[in-house]
PDB file of N, CA and C in Angstrom:
ATOM      1  N   MET A   1      25.918 -13.377 -35.411  1.00  0.00           N
ATOM      2  CA  MET A   1      25.947 -14.803 -35.084  1.00  0.00           C
ATOM      3  C   MET A   1      27.345 -15.346 -35.323  1.00  0.00           C
ATOM      4  N   CYS A   2      27.819 -16.062 -34.410  1.00  0.00           N
ATOM      5  CA  CYS A   2      29.152 -16.657 -34.477  1.00  0.00           C
ATOM      6  C   CYS A   2      29.136 -17.863 -35.427  1.00  0.00           C
ATOM      7  N   PRO A   3      30.057 -17.916 -36.385  1.00  0.00           N
ATOM      8  CA  PRO A   3      30.068 -19.057 -37.323  1.00  0.00           C
ATOM      9  C   PRO A   3      30.453 -20.384 -36.679  1.00  0.00           C
ATOM     10  N   SER A   4      31.126 -20.308 -35.532  1.00  0.00           N
ATOM     11  CA  SER A   4      31.542 -21.559 -34.881  1.00  0.00           C
ATOM     12  C   SER A   4      30.698 -21.843 -33.641  1.00  0.00           C
ATOM     13  N   SER A   5      29.444 -21.391 -33.642  1.00  0.00           N
ATOM     14  CA  SER A   5      28.559 -21.641 -32.503  1.00  0.00           C
ATOM     15  C   SER A   5      28.208 -23.116 -32.401  1.00  0.00           C
ATOM     16  N   LYS A   6      28.142 -23.572 -31.177  1.00  0.00           N
ATOM     17  CA  LYS A   6      27.769 -24.955 -30.911  1.00  0.00           C
ATOM     18  C   LYS A   6      26.523 -24.936 -30.027  1.00  0.00           C
ATOM     19  N   ILE A   7      25.511 -25.696 -30.395  1.00  0.00           N
ATOM     20  CA  ILE A   7      24.289 -25.778 -29.600  1.00  0.00           C
ATOM     21  C   ILE A   7      24.555 -26.653 -28.383  1.00  0.00           C
ATOM     22  N   LEU A   8      24.345 -26.076 -27.196  1.00  0.00           N
ATOM     23  CA  LEU A   8      24.551 -26.812 -25.957  1.00  0.00           C
ATOM     24  C   LEU A   8      23.265 -27.434 -25.441  1.00  0.00           C
ATOM     25  N   ASN A   9      22.164 -26.708 -25.613  1.00  0.00           N
ATOM     26  CA  ASN A   9      20.882 -27.210 -25.144  1.00  0.00           C
ATOM     27  C   ASN A   9      19.775 -26.478 -25.885  1.00  0.00           C
ATOM     28  N   GLN A  10      18.629 -27.128 -25.967  1.00  0.00           N
ATOM     29  CA  GLN A  10      17.518 -26.544 -26.694  1.00  0.00           C
ATOM     30  C   GLN A  10      16.216 -26.958 -26.028  1.00  0.00           C
ATOM     31  N   SER A  11      15.245 -26.051 -26.013  1.00  0.00           N
ATOM     32  CA  SER A  11      13.930 -26.342 -25.463  1.00  0.00           C
ATOM     33  C   SER A  11      12.885 -25.808 -26.437  1.00  0.00           C
ATOM     34  N   LYS A  12      11.629 -25.919 -26.051  1.00  0.00           N
ATOM     35  CA  LYS A  12      10.533 -25.472 -26.907  1.00  0.00           C
ATOM     36  C   LYS A  12      10.667 -23.988 -27.263  1.00  0.00           C
ATOM     37  N   ASN A  13      11.029 -23.168 -26.277  1.00  0.00           N
ATOM     38  CA  ASN A  13      11.073 -21.722 -26.484  1.00  0.00           C
ATOM     39  C   ASN A  13      12.467 -21.118 -26.450  1.00  0.00           C
ATOM     40  N   GLY A  14      13.497 -21.941 -26.345  1.00  0.00           N
ATOM     41  CA  GLY A  14      14.825 -21.362 -26.211  1.00  0.00           C
ATOM     42  C   GLY A  14      15.939 -22.243 -26.725  1.00  0.00           C
ATOM     43  N   ILE A  15      17.105 -21.617 -26.814  1.00  0.00           N
ATOM     44  CA  ILE A  15      18.302 -22.331 -27.255  1.00  0.00           C
ATOM     45  C   ILE A  15      19.512 -21.718 -26.548  1.00  0.00           C
ATOM     46  N   LEU A  16      20.454 -22.560 -26.151  1.00  0.00           N
ATOM     47  CA  LEU A  16      21.689 -22.122 -25.521  1.00  0.00           C
ATOM     48  C   LEU A  16      22.840 -22.541 -26.417  1.00  0.00           C
ATOM     49  N   THR A  17      23.651 -21.566 -26.828  1.00  0.00           N
ATOM     50  CA  THR A  17      24.787 -21.850 -27.703  1.00  0.00           C
ATOM     51  C   THR A  17      26.065 -21.303 -27.084  1.00  0.00           C
ATOM     52  N   PHE A  18      27.203 -21.790 -27.604  1.00  0.00           N
ATOM     53  CA  PHE A  18      28.506 -21.312 -27.167  1.00  0.00           C
ATOM     54  C   PHE A  18      29.354 -21.034 -28.394  1.00  0.00           C
ATOM     55  N   CYS A  19      29.985 -19.862 -28.408  1.00  0.00           N
ATOM     56  CA  CYS A  19      30.867 -19.484 -29.505  1.00  0.00           C
ATOM     57  C   CYS A  19      32.312 -19.651 -29.062  1.00  0.00           C
ATOM     58  N   ASN A  20      33.045 -20.492 -29.761  1.00  0.00           N
ATOM     59  CA  ASN A  20      34.446 -20.750 -29.430  1.00  0.00           C
ATOM     60  C   ASN A  20      35.338 -19.543 -29.689  1.00  0.00           C
ATOM     61  N   GLU A  21      34.997 -18.728 -30.673  1.00  0.00           N
ATOM     62  CA  GLU A  21      35.829 -17.570 -31.013  1.00  0.00           C
ATOM     63  C   GLU A  21      35.723 -16.471 -29.963  1.00  0.00           C
ATOM     64  N   SER A  22      34.502 -16.100 -29.613  1.00  0.00           N
ATOM     65  CA  SER A  22      34.309 -15.003 -28.661  1.00  0.00           C
ATOM     66  C   SER A  22      34.222 -15.483 -27.214  1.00  0.00           C
ATOM     67  N   LYS A  23      34.109 -16.790 -27.025  1.00  0.00           N
ATOM     68  CA  LYS A  23      33.953 -17.398 -25.693  1.00  0.00           C
ATOM     69  C   LYS A  23      32.687 -16.912 -24.993  1.00  0.00           C
ATOM     70  N   LEU A  24      31.657 -16.636 -25.771  1.00  0.00           N
ATOM     71  CA  LEU A  24      30.385 -16.166 -25.236  1.00  0.00           C
ATOM     72  C   LEU A  24      29.325 -17.252 -25.307  1.00  0.00           C
ATOM     73  N   PHE A  25      28.541 -17.338 -24.246  1.00  0.00           N
ATOM     74  CA  PHE A  25      27.348 -18.169 -24.244  1.00  0.00           C
ATOM     75  C   PHE A  25      26.202 -17.267 -24.673  1.00  0.00           C
ATOM     76  N   GLN A  26      25.331 -17.777 -25.513  1.00  0.00           N
ATOM     77  CA  GLN A  26      24.164 -17.010 -25.929  1.00  0.00           C
ATOM     78  C   GLN A  26      22.917 -17.837 -25.638  1.00  0.00           C
ATOM     79  N   MET A  27      22.007 -17.235 -24.873  1.00  0.00           N
ATOM     80  CA  MET A  27      20.740 -17.887 -24.601  1.00  0.00           C
ATOM     81  C   MET A  27      19.642 -17.034 -25.220  1.00  0.00           C
ATOM     82  N   VAL A  28      18.898 -17.631 -26.137  1.00  0.00           N
ATOM     83  CA  VAL A  28      17.747 -16.964 -26.730  1.00  0.00           C
ATOM     84  C   VAL A  28      16.527 -17.670 -26.164  1.00  0.00           C
ATOM     85  N   PHE A  29      15.680 -16.901 -25.491  1.00  0.00           N
ATOM     86  CA  PHE A  29      14.470 -17.456 -24.894  1.00  0.00           C
ATOM     87  C   PHE A  29      13.305 -16.556 -25.283  1.00  0.00           C
ATOM     88  N   ASN A  30      12.329 -17.127 -25.979  1.00  0.00           N
ATOM     89  CA  ASN A  30      11.223 -16.358 -26.550  1.00  0.00           C
ATOM     90  C   ASN A  30      11.808 -15.213 -27.370  1.00  0.00           C
ATOM     91  N   ASN A  31      11.523 -13.987 -27.029  1.00  0.00           N
ATOM     92  CA  ASN A  31      12.072 -12.872 -27.796  1.00  0.00           C
ATOM     93  C   ASN A  31      13.230 -12.183 -27.072  1.00  0.00           C
ATOM     94  N   LEU A  32      13.815 -12.851 -26.092  1.00  0.00           N
ATOM     95  CA  LEU A  32      14.923 -12.291 -25.319  1.00  0.00           C
ATOM     96  C   LEU A  32      16.229 -12.974 -25.706  1.00  0.00           C
ATOM     97  N   CYS A  33      17.284 -12.191 -25.765  1.00  0.00           N
ATOM     98  CA  CYS A  33      18.602 -12.743 -26.079  1.00  0.00           C
ATOM     99  C   CYS A  33      19.584 -12.286 -25.003  1.00  0.00           C
ATOM    100  N   PHE A  34      20.244 -13.255 -24.373  1.00  0.00           N
ATOM    101  CA  PHE A  34      21.235 -12.979 -23.337  1.00  0.00           C
ATOM    102  C   PHE A  34      22.592 -13.462 -23.842  1.00  0.00           C
ATOM    103  N   GLU A  35      23.620 -12.654 -23.663  1.00  0.00           N
ATOM    104  CA  GLU A  35      24.979 -13.079 -23.982  1.00  0.00           C
ATOM    105  C   GLU A  35      25.819 -12.965 -22.725  1.00  0.00           C
ATOM    106  N   TYR A  36      26.468 -14.059 -22.373  1.00  0.00           N
ATOM    107  CA  TYR A  36      27.231 -14.128 -21.130  1.00  0.00           C
ATOM    108  C   TYR A  36      28.600 -14.742 -21.380  1.00  0.00           C
ATOM    109  N   TYR A  37      29.592 -14.212 -20.642  1.00  0.00           N
ATOM    110  CA  TYR A  37      30.842 -14.943 -20.504  1.00  0.00           C
ATOM    111  C   TYR A  37      30.598 -15.999 -19.436  1.00  0.00           C
ATOM    112  N   GLU A  38      31.501 -16.928 -19.299  1.00  0.00           N
ATOM    113  CA  GLU A  38      31.268 -18.057 -18.391  1.00  0.00           C
ATOM    114  C   GLU A  38      30.955 -17.603 -16.969  1.00  0.00           C
ATOM    115  N   TRP A  39      31.710 -16.658 -16.447  1.00  0.00           N
ATOM    116  CA  TRP A  39      31.477 -16.201 -15.068  1.00  0.00           C
ATOM    117  C   TRP A  39      30.124 -15.503 -14.941  1.00  0.00           C
ATOM    118  N   GLU A  40      29.694 -14.802 -15.986  1.00  0.00           N
ATOM    119  CA  GLU A  40      28.391 -14.148 -15.956  1.00  0.00           C
ATOM    120  C   GLU A  40      27.265 -15.177 -16.004  1.00  0.00           C
ATOM    121  N   LEU A  41      27.457 -16.215 -16.802  1.00  0.00           N
ATOM    122  CA  LEU A  41      26.466 -17.275 -16.890  1.00  0.00           C
ATOM    123  C   LEU A  41      26.311 -17.982 -15.546  1.00  0.00           C
ATOM    124  N   GLU A  42      27.422 -18.272 -14.883  1.00  0.00           N
ATOM    125  CA  GLU A  42      27.369 -18.912 -13.568  1.00  0.00           C
ATOM    126  C   GLU A  42      26.666 -18.019 -12.553  1.00  0.00           C
ATOM    127  N   SER A  43      26.902 -16.730 -12.629  1.00  0.00           N
ATOM    128  CA  SER A  43      26.239 -15.782 -11.730  1.00  0.00           C
ATOM    129  C   SER A  43      24.734 -15.756 -11.998  1.00  0.00           C
ATOM    130  N   PHE A  44      24.344 -15.780 -13.264  1.00  0.00           N
ATOM    131  CA  PHE A  44      22.931 -15.795 -13.630  1.00  0.00           C
ATOM    132  C   PHE A  44      22.261 -17.084 -13.158  1.00  0.00           C
ATOM    133  N   LYS A  45      22.951 -18.206 -13.313  1.00  0.00           N
ATOM    134  CA  LYS A  45      22.422 -19.488 -12.844  1.00  0.00           C
ATOM    135  C   LYS A  45      22.219 -19.462 -11.328  1.00  0.00           C
ATOM    136  N   SER A  46      23.185 -18.894 -10.627  1.00  0.00           N
ATOM    137  CA  SER A  46      23.089 -18.795  -9.178  1.00  0.00           C
ATOM    138  C   SER A  46      21.894 -17.927  -8.784  1.00  0.00           C
ATOM    139  N   HIS A  47      21.711 -16.835  -9.492  1.00  0.00           N
ATOM    140  CA  HIS A  47      20.579 -15.942  -9.225  1.00  0.00           C
ATOM    141  C   HIS A  47      19.250 -16.677  -9.433  1.00  0.00           C
ATOM    142  N   LEU A  48      19.146 -17.428 -10.509  1.00  0.00           N
ATOM    143  CA  LEU A  48      17.913 -18.182 -10.787  1.00  0.00           C
ATOM    144  C   LEU A  48      17.663 -19.256  -9.732  1.00  0.00           C
ATOM    145  N   SER A  49      18.724 -19.889  -9.274  1.00  0.00           N
ATOM    146  CA  SER A  49      18.589 -20.944  -8.263  1.00  0.00           C
ATOM    147  C   SER A  49      18.075 -20.407  -6.939  1.00  0.00           C
ATOM    148  N   GLU A  50      18.384 -19.146  -6.664  1.00  0.00           N
ATOM    149  CA  GLU A  50      18.013 -18.561  -5.383  1.00  0.00           C
ATOM    150  C   GLU A  50      16.663 -17.849  -5.404  1.00  0.00           C
ATOM    151  N   LEU A  51      16.021 -17.792  -6.554  1.00  0.00           N
ATOM    152  CA  LEU A  51      14.722 -17.121  -6.636  1.00  0.00           C
ATOM    153  C   LEU A  51      13.691 -17.852  -5.783  1.00  0.00           C
ATOM    154  N   ASP A  52      12.958 -17.106  -4.995  1.00  0.00           N
ATOM    155  CA  ASP A  52      11.893 -17.670  -4.172  1.00  0.00           C
ATOM    156  C   ASP A  52      10.578 -17.491  -4.929  1.00  0.00           C
ATOM    157  N   LEU A  53      10.206 -18.493  -5.702  1.00  0.00           N
ATOM    158  CA  LEU A  53       9.037 -18.399  -6.578  1.00  0.00           C
ATOM    159  C   LEU A  53       7.758 -18.157  -5.802  1.00  0.00           C
ATOM    160  N   GLU A  54       7.582 -18.843  -4.678  1.00  0.00           N
ATOM    161  CA  GLU A  54       6.368 -18.678  -3.879  1.00  0.00           C
ATOM    162  C   GLU A  54       6.228 -17.249  -3.370  1.00  0.00           C
ATOM    163  N   TYR A  55       7.348 -16.674  -2.940  1.00  0.00           N
ATOM    164  CA  TYR A  55       7.330 -15.307  -2.427  1.00  0.00           C
ATOM    165  C   TYR A  55       6.856 -14.325  -3.504  1.00  0.00           C
ATOM    166  N   TRP A  56       7.442 -14.427  -4.700  1.00  0.00           N
ATOM    167  CA  TRP A  56       7.096 -13.484  -5.767  1.00  0.00           C
ATOM    168  C   TRP A  56       5.661 -13.690  -6.247  1.00  0.00           C
ATOM    169  N   GLU A  57       5.231 -14.929  -6.330  1.00  0.00           N
ATOM    170  CA  GLU A  57       3.853 -15.176  -6.749  1.00  0.00           C
ATOM    171  C   GLU A  57       2.862 -14.634  -5.717  1.00  0.00           C
ATOM    172  N   LYS A  58       3.210 -14.755  -4.458  1.00  0.00           N
ATOM    173  CA  LYS A  58       2.348 -14.238  -3.395  1.00  0.00           C
ATOM    174  C   LYS A  58       2.369 -12.701  -3.393  1.00  0.00           C
ATOM    175  N   THR A  59       3.545 -12.120  -3.575  1.00  0.00           N
ATOM    176  CA  THR A  59       3.683 -10.670  -3.574  1.00  0.00           C
ATOM    177  C   THR A  59       2.886 -10.016  -4.695  1.00  0.00           C
ATOM    178  N   PHE A  60       2.932 -10.612  -5.882  1.00  0.00           N
ATOM    179  CA  PHE A  60       2.235 -10.040  -7.036  1.00  0.00           C
ATOM    180  C   PHE A  60       0.930 -10.767  -7.350  1.00  0.00           C
ATOM    181  N   LYS A  61       0.323 -11.348  -6.328  1.00  0.00           N
ATOM    182  CA  LYS A  61      -0.909 -12.120  -6.499  1.00  0.00           C
ATOM    183  C   LYS A  61      -2.021 -11.300  -7.143  1.00  0.00           C
ATOM    184  N   LYS A  62      -2.130 -10.047  -6.778  1.00  0.00           N
ATOM    185  CA  LYS A  62      -3.200  -9.200  -7.300  1.00  0.00           C
ATOM    186  C   LYS A  62      -2.787  -8.420  -8.552  1.00  0.00           C
ATOM    187  N   SER A  63      -1.632  -8.742  -9.095  1.00  0.00           N
ATOM    188  CA  SER A  63      -1.168  -8.063 -10.303  1.00  0.00           C
ATOM    189  C   SER A  63      -2.046  -8.419 -11.492  1.00  0.00           C
ATOM    190  N   LEU A  64      -2.169  -7.504 -12.407  1.00  0.00           N
ATOM    191  CA  LEU A  64      -2.965  -7.747 -13.615  1.00  0.00           C
ATOM    192  C   LEU A  64      -2.258  -8.675 -14.592  1.00  0.00           C
ATOM    193  N   HIS A  65      -0.964  -8.794 -14.443  1.00  0.00           N
ATOM    194  CA  HIS A  65      -0.159  -9.591 -15.367  1.00  0.00           C
ATOM    195  C   HIS A  65      -0.111 -11.050 -14.931  1.00  0.00           C
ATOM    196  N   GLN A  66      -0.053 -11.950 -15.898  1.00  0.00           N
ATOM    197  CA  GLN A  66       0.039 -13.364 -15.554  1.00  0.00           C
ATOM    198  C   GLN A  66       1.463 -13.749 -15.150  1.00  0.00           C
ATOM    199  N   ARG A  67       2.446 -12.988 -15.586  1.00  0.00           N
ATOM    200  CA  ARG A  67       3.834 -13.251 -15.207  1.00  0.00           C
ATOM    201  C   ARG A  67       4.126 -12.462 -13.939  1.00  0.00           C
ATOM    202  N   LYS A  68       4.525 -13.176 -12.884  1.00  0.00           N
ATOM    203  CA  LYS A  68       4.657 -12.538 -11.579  1.00  0.00           C
ATOM    204  C   LYS A  68       6.056 -12.657 -10.966  1.00  0.00           C
ATOM    205  N   ILE A  69       6.970 -13.346 -11.643  1.00  0.00           N
ATOM    206  CA  ILE A  69       8.304 -13.567 -11.075  1.00  0.00           C
ATOM    207  C   ILE A  69       9.308 -12.670 -11.798  1.00  0.00           C
ATOM    208  N   PRO A  70       9.893 -11.701 -11.071  1.00  0.00           N
ATOM    209  CA  PRO A  70      10.845 -10.792 -11.717  1.00  0.00           C
ATOM    210  C   PRO A  70      12.255 -11.383 -11.756  1.00  0.00           C
ATOM    211  N   ILE A  71      12.928 -11.159 -12.876  1.00  0.00           N
ATOM    212  CA  ILE A  71      14.337 -11.510 -13.003  1.00  0.00           C
ATOM    213  C   ILE A  71      15.083 -10.212 -13.286  1.00  0.00           C
ATOM    214  N   SER A  72      15.939  -9.830 -12.372  1.00  0.00           N
ATOM    215  CA  SER A  72      16.742  -8.630 -12.547  1.00  0.00           C
ATOM    216  C   SER A  72      17.876  -8.938 -13.518  1.00  0.00           C
ATOM    217  N   VAL A  73      18.119  -8.027 -14.443  1.00  0.00           N
ATOM    218  CA  VAL A  73      19.177  -8.261 -15.424  1.00  0.00           C
ATOM    219  C   VAL A  73      20.282  -7.214 -15.335  1.00  0.00           C
ATOM    220  N   GLY A  74      20.423  -6.588 -14.176  1.00  0.00           N
ATOM    221  CA  GLY A  74      21.542  -5.680 -13.969  1.00  0.00           C
ATOM    222  C   GLY A  74      21.181  -4.211 -14.018  1.00  0.00           C
ATOM    223  N   ASN A  75      20.130  -3.851 -14.701  1.00  0.00           N
ATOM    224  CA  ASN A  75      19.709  -2.459 -14.777  1.00  0.00           C
ATOM    225  C   ASN A  75      18.437  -2.319 -13.963  1.00  0.00           C
ATOM    226  N   LYS A  76      18.437  -1.407 -12.989  1.00  0.00           N
ATOM    227  CA  LYS A  76      17.271  -1.311 -12.107  1.00  0.00           C
ATOM    228  C   LYS A  76      16.024  -0.823 -12.839  1.00  0.00           C
ATOM    229  N   CYS A  77      16.178  -0.281 -14.027  1.00  0.00           N
ATOM    230  CA  CYS A  77      15.033   0.196 -14.806  1.00  0.00           C
ATOM    231  C   CYS A  77      14.462  -0.891 -15.715  1.00  0.00           C
ATOM    232  N   PHE A  78      15.097  -2.063 -15.751  1.00  0.00           N
ATOM    233  CA  PHE A  78      14.662  -3.114 -16.664  1.00  0.00           C
ATOM    234  C   PHE A  78      14.597  -4.442 -15.928  1.00  0.00           C
ATOM    235  N   ILE A  79      13.404  -4.994 -15.826  1.00  0.00           N
ATOM    236  CA  ILE A  79      13.194  -6.269 -15.147  1.00  0.00           C
ATOM    237  C   ILE A  79      12.367  -7.153 -16.062  1.00  0.00           C
ATOM    238  N   ILE A  80      12.754  -8.395 -16.158  1.00  0.00           N
ATOM    239  CA  ILE A  80      12.016  -9.360 -16.975  1.00  0.00           C
ATOM    240  C   ILE A  80      11.027 -10.081 -16.071  1.00  0.00           C
ATOM    241  N   LEU A  81       9.781 -10.153 -16.497  1.00  0.00           N
ATOM    242  CA  LEU A  81       8.764 -10.883 -15.746  1.00  0.00           C
ATOM    243  C   LEU A  81       8.490 -12.207 -16.441  1.00  0.00           C
ATOM    244  N   VAL A  82       8.507 -13.276 -15.661  1.00  0.00           N
ATOM    245  CA  VAL A  82       8.245 -14.613 -16.192  1.00  0.00           C
ATOM    246  C   VAL A  82       7.270 -15.336 -15.263  1.00  0.00           C
ATOM    247  N   ASN A  83       6.752 -16.441 -15.736  1.00  0.00           N
ATOM    248  CA  ASN A  83       5.908 -17.264 -14.875  1.00  0.00           C
ATOM    249  C   ASN A  83       6.682 -18.512 -14.467  1.00  0.00           C
ATOM    250  N   ARG A  84       6.064 -19.325 -13.634  1.00  0.00           N
ATOM    251  CA  ARG A  84       6.726 -20.521 -13.093  1.00  0.00           C
ATOM    252  C   ARG A  84       7.165 -21.489 -14.193  1.00  0.00           C
ATOM    253  N   GLN A  85       6.347 -21.672 -15.205  1.00  0.00           N
ATOM    254  CA  GLN A  85       6.688 -22.592 -16.292  1.00  0.00           C
ATOM    255  C   GLN A  85       7.902 -22.090 -17.076  1.00  0.00           C
ATOM    256  N   GLU A  86       7.965 -20.779 -17.293  1.00  0.00           N
ATOM    257  CA  GLU A  86       9.106 -20.216 -18.016  1.00  0.00           C
ATOM    258  C   GLU A  86      10.389 -20.341 -17.201  1.00  0.00           C
ATOM    259  N   ILE A  87      10.298 -20.117 -15.891  1.00  0.00           N
ATOM    260  CA  ILE A  87      11.473 -20.307 -15.026  1.00  0.00           C
ATOM    261  C   ILE A  87      11.954 -21.745 -15.108  1.00  0.00           C
ATOM    262  N   SER A  88      11.023 -22.670 -15.053  1.00  0.00           N
ATOM    263  CA  SER A  88      11.379 -24.084 -15.129  1.00  0.00           C
ATOM    264  C   SER A  88      12.068 -24.403 -16.457  1.00  0.00           C
ATOM    265  N   GLU A  89      11.556 -23.849 -17.542  1.00  0.00           N
ATOM    266  CA  GLU A  89      12.164 -24.102 -18.856  1.00  0.00           C
ATOM    267  C   GLU A  89      13.550 -23.476 -18.965  1.00  0.00           C
ATOM    268  N   ILE A  90      13.714 -22.267 -18.427  1.00  0.00           N
ATOM    269  CA  ILE A  90      15.027 -21.614 -18.448  1.00  0.00           C
ATOM    270  C   ILE A  90      16.025 -22.422 -17.621  1.00  0.00           C
ATOM    271  N   LYS A  91      15.587 -22.894 -16.462  1.00  0.00           N
ATOM    272  CA  LYS A  91      16.474 -23.702 -15.619  1.00  0.00           C
ATOM    273  C   LYS A  91      16.887 -24.991 -16.317  1.00  0.00           C
ATOM    274  N   SER A  92      15.963 -25.624 -17.005  1.00  0.00           N
ATOM    275  CA  SER A  92      16.321 -26.860 -17.711  1.00  0.00           C
ATOM    276  C   SER A  92      17.232 -26.541 -18.894  1.00  0.00           C
ATOM    277  N   LEU A  93      17.027 -25.406 -19.527  1.00  0.00           N
ATOM    278  CA  LEU A  93      17.885 -24.984 -20.635  1.00  0.00           C
ATOM    279  C   LEU A  93      19.315 -24.765 -20.154  1.00  0.00           C
ATOM    280  N   LEU A  94      19.453 -24.236 -18.943  1.00  0.00           N
ATOM    281  CA  LEU A  94      20.773 -23.960 -18.375  1.00  0.00           C
ATOM    282  C   LEU A  94      21.305 -25.107 -17.524  1.00  0.00           C
ATOM    283  N   ASN A  95      20.576 -26.227 -17.492  1.00  0.00           N
ATOM    284  CA  ASN A  95      20.969 -27.406 -16.702  1.00  0.00           C
ATOM    285  C   ASN A  95      21.159 -27.081 -15.227  1.00  0.00           C
ATOM    286  N   ILE A  96      20.231 -26.302 -14.686  1.00  0.00           N
ATOM    287  CA  ILE A  96      20.282 -25.994 -13.258  1.00  0.00           C
ATOM    288  C   ILE A  96      19.540 -27.103 -12.532  1.00  0.00           C
ATOM    289  N   GLN A  97      20.264 -27.816 -11.696  1.00  0.00           N
ATOM    290  CA  GLN A  97      19.678 -28.917 -10.948  1.00  0.00           C
ATOM    291  C   GLN A  97      19.173 -28.406  -9.615  1.00  0.00           C
ATOM    292  N   LYS A  98      18.106 -28.974  -9.144  1.00  0.00           N
ATOM    293  CA  LYS A  98      17.660 -28.660  -7.793  1.00  0.00           C
ATOM    294  C   LYS A  98      18.696 -29.200  -6.829  1.00  0.00           C
ATOM    295  N   ASN A  99      18.808 -28.534  -5.689  1.00  0.00           N
ATOM    296  CA  ASN A  99      19.763 -28.995  -4.690  1.00  0.00           C
ATOM    297  C   ASN A  99      19.380 -30.400  -4.236  1.00  0.00           C
ATOM    298  N   PRO A 100      20.295 -31.350  -4.374  1.00  0.00           N
ATOM    299  CA  PRO A 100      19.977 -32.704  -3.937  1.00  0.00           C
ATOM    300  C   PRO A 100      19.853 -32.761  -2.420  1.00  0.00           C
ATOM    301  N   ILE A 101      19.124 -33.730  -1.957  1.00  0.00           N
ATOM    302  CA  ILE A 101      18.963 -33.921  -0.515  1.00  0.00           C
ATOM    303  C   ILE A 101      20.287 -34.416   0.049  1.00  0.00           C
ATOM    304  N   LYS A 102      20.754 -33.723   1.056  1.00  0.00           N
ATOM    305  CA  LYS A 102      22.012 -34.112   1.677  1.00  0.00           C
ATOM    306  C   LYS A 102      21.703 -35.003   2.876  1.00  0.00           C
ATOM    307  N   PHE A 103      22.174 -36.226   2.827  1.00  0.00           N
ATOM    308  CA  PHE A 103      21.950 -37.160   3.922  1.00  0.00           C
ATOM    309  C   PHE A 103      23.037 -37.002   4.969  1.00  0.00           C
ATOM    310  N   LEU A 104      22.625 -37.158   6.216  1.00  0.00           N
ATOM    311  CA  LEU A 104      23.587 -37.099   7.304  1.00  0.00           C
ATOM    312  C   LEU A 104      24.401 -38.381   7.354  1.00  0.00           C
ATOM    313  N   LYS A 105      25.644 -38.214   7.713  1.00  0.00           N
ATOM    314  CA  LYS A 105      26.493 -39.374   7.938  1.00  0.00           C
ATOM    315  C   LYS A 105      26.451 -39.683   9.426  1.00  0.00           C
ATOM    316  N   LEU A 106      26.850 -40.877   9.778  1.00  0.00           N
ATOM    317  CA  LEU A 106      26.820 -41.302  11.172  1.00  0.00           C
ATOM    318  C   LEU A 106      27.608 -40.342  12.064  1.00  0.00           C
ATOM    319  N   LYS A 107      28.748 -39.881  11.588  1.00  0.00           N
ATOM    320  CA  LYS A 107      29.580 -38.979  12.401  1.00  0.00           C
ATOM    321  C   LYS A 107      28.937 -37.604  12.585  1.00  0.00           C
ATOM    322  N   ASP A 108      27.957 -37.247  11.739  1.00  0.00           N
ATOM    323  CA  ASP A 108      27.273 -35.966  11.854  1.00  0.00           C
ATOM    324  C   ASP A 108      26.222 -35.946  12.960  1.00  0.00           C
ATOM    325  N   ILE A 109      25.852 -37.109  13.441  1.00  0.00           N
ATOM    326  CA  ILE A 109      24.814 -37.198  14.457  1.00  0.00           C
ATOM    327  C   ILE A 109      25.452 -37.237  15.833  1.00  0.00           C
ATOM    328  N   ASP A 110      25.152 -36.215  16.629  1.00  0.00           N
ATOM    329  CA  ASP A 110      25.701 -36.134  17.986  1.00  0.00           C
ATOM    330  C   ASP A 110      24.653 -36.713  18.932  1.00  0.00           C
ATOM    331  N   TYR A 111      24.792 -38.010  19.213  1.00  0.00           N
ATOM    332  CA  TYR A 111      23.803 -38.694  20.035  1.00  0.00           C
ATOM    333  C   TYR A 111      24.512 -39.767  20.850  1.00  0.00           C
ATOM    334  N   THR A 112      24.168 -39.795  22.108  1.00  0.00           N
ATOM    335  CA  THR A 112      24.704 -40.840  22.973  1.00  0.00           C
ATOM    336  C   THR A 112      23.728 -41.987  23.002  1.00  0.00           C
ATOM    337  N   LEU A 113      24.161 -43.129  22.578  1.00  0.00           N
ATOM    338  CA  LEU A 113      23.298 -44.298  22.551  1.00  0.00           C
ATOM    339  C   LEU A 113      23.326 -44.976  23.919  1.00  0.00           C
ATOM    340  N   LEU A 114      22.164 -45.128  24.506  1.00  0.00           N
ATOM    341  CA  LEU A 114      22.057 -45.812  25.793  1.00  0.00           C
ATOM    342  C   LEU A 114      21.367 -47.143  25.574  1.00  0.00           C
ATOM    343  N   GLU A 115      22.082 -48.207  25.887  1.00  0.00           N
ATOM    344  CA  GLU A 115      21.485 -49.536  25.744  1.00  0.00           C
ATOM    345  C   GLU A 115      20.765 -49.880  27.027  1.00  0.00           C
ATOM    346  N   ASN A 116      19.540 -50.298  26.948  1.00  0.00           N
ATOM    347  CA  ASN A 116      18.765 -50.661  28.142  1.00  0.00           C
ATOM    348  C   ASN A 116      18.990 -52.076  28.548  1.00  0.00           C
TER     349      ASN A 116
END
């Protein structure tokens, strides 16, 4: 444990800290511990943002396990299985925002206005 760790975010089952000395982010979630440099953390956040939850839940619908969403952690022999609530908590722990709705601007609309 880094003596100069700073808590960045905390949830019911997890905590995200940053160590100024090693420049490592540490996320402890349930019994899992992840350590990332900034670029690795951003890559992990991007991976989580792109997960298609409906697809994985549908694919593993008949699975015996209640956790149906796989998170790859770099080793093809090791995959973490989580459920929708855990994904939501991890995303909130990492401050991953849903993509905001992008509104069209007037110049983006290619339309000829015909006045009657």
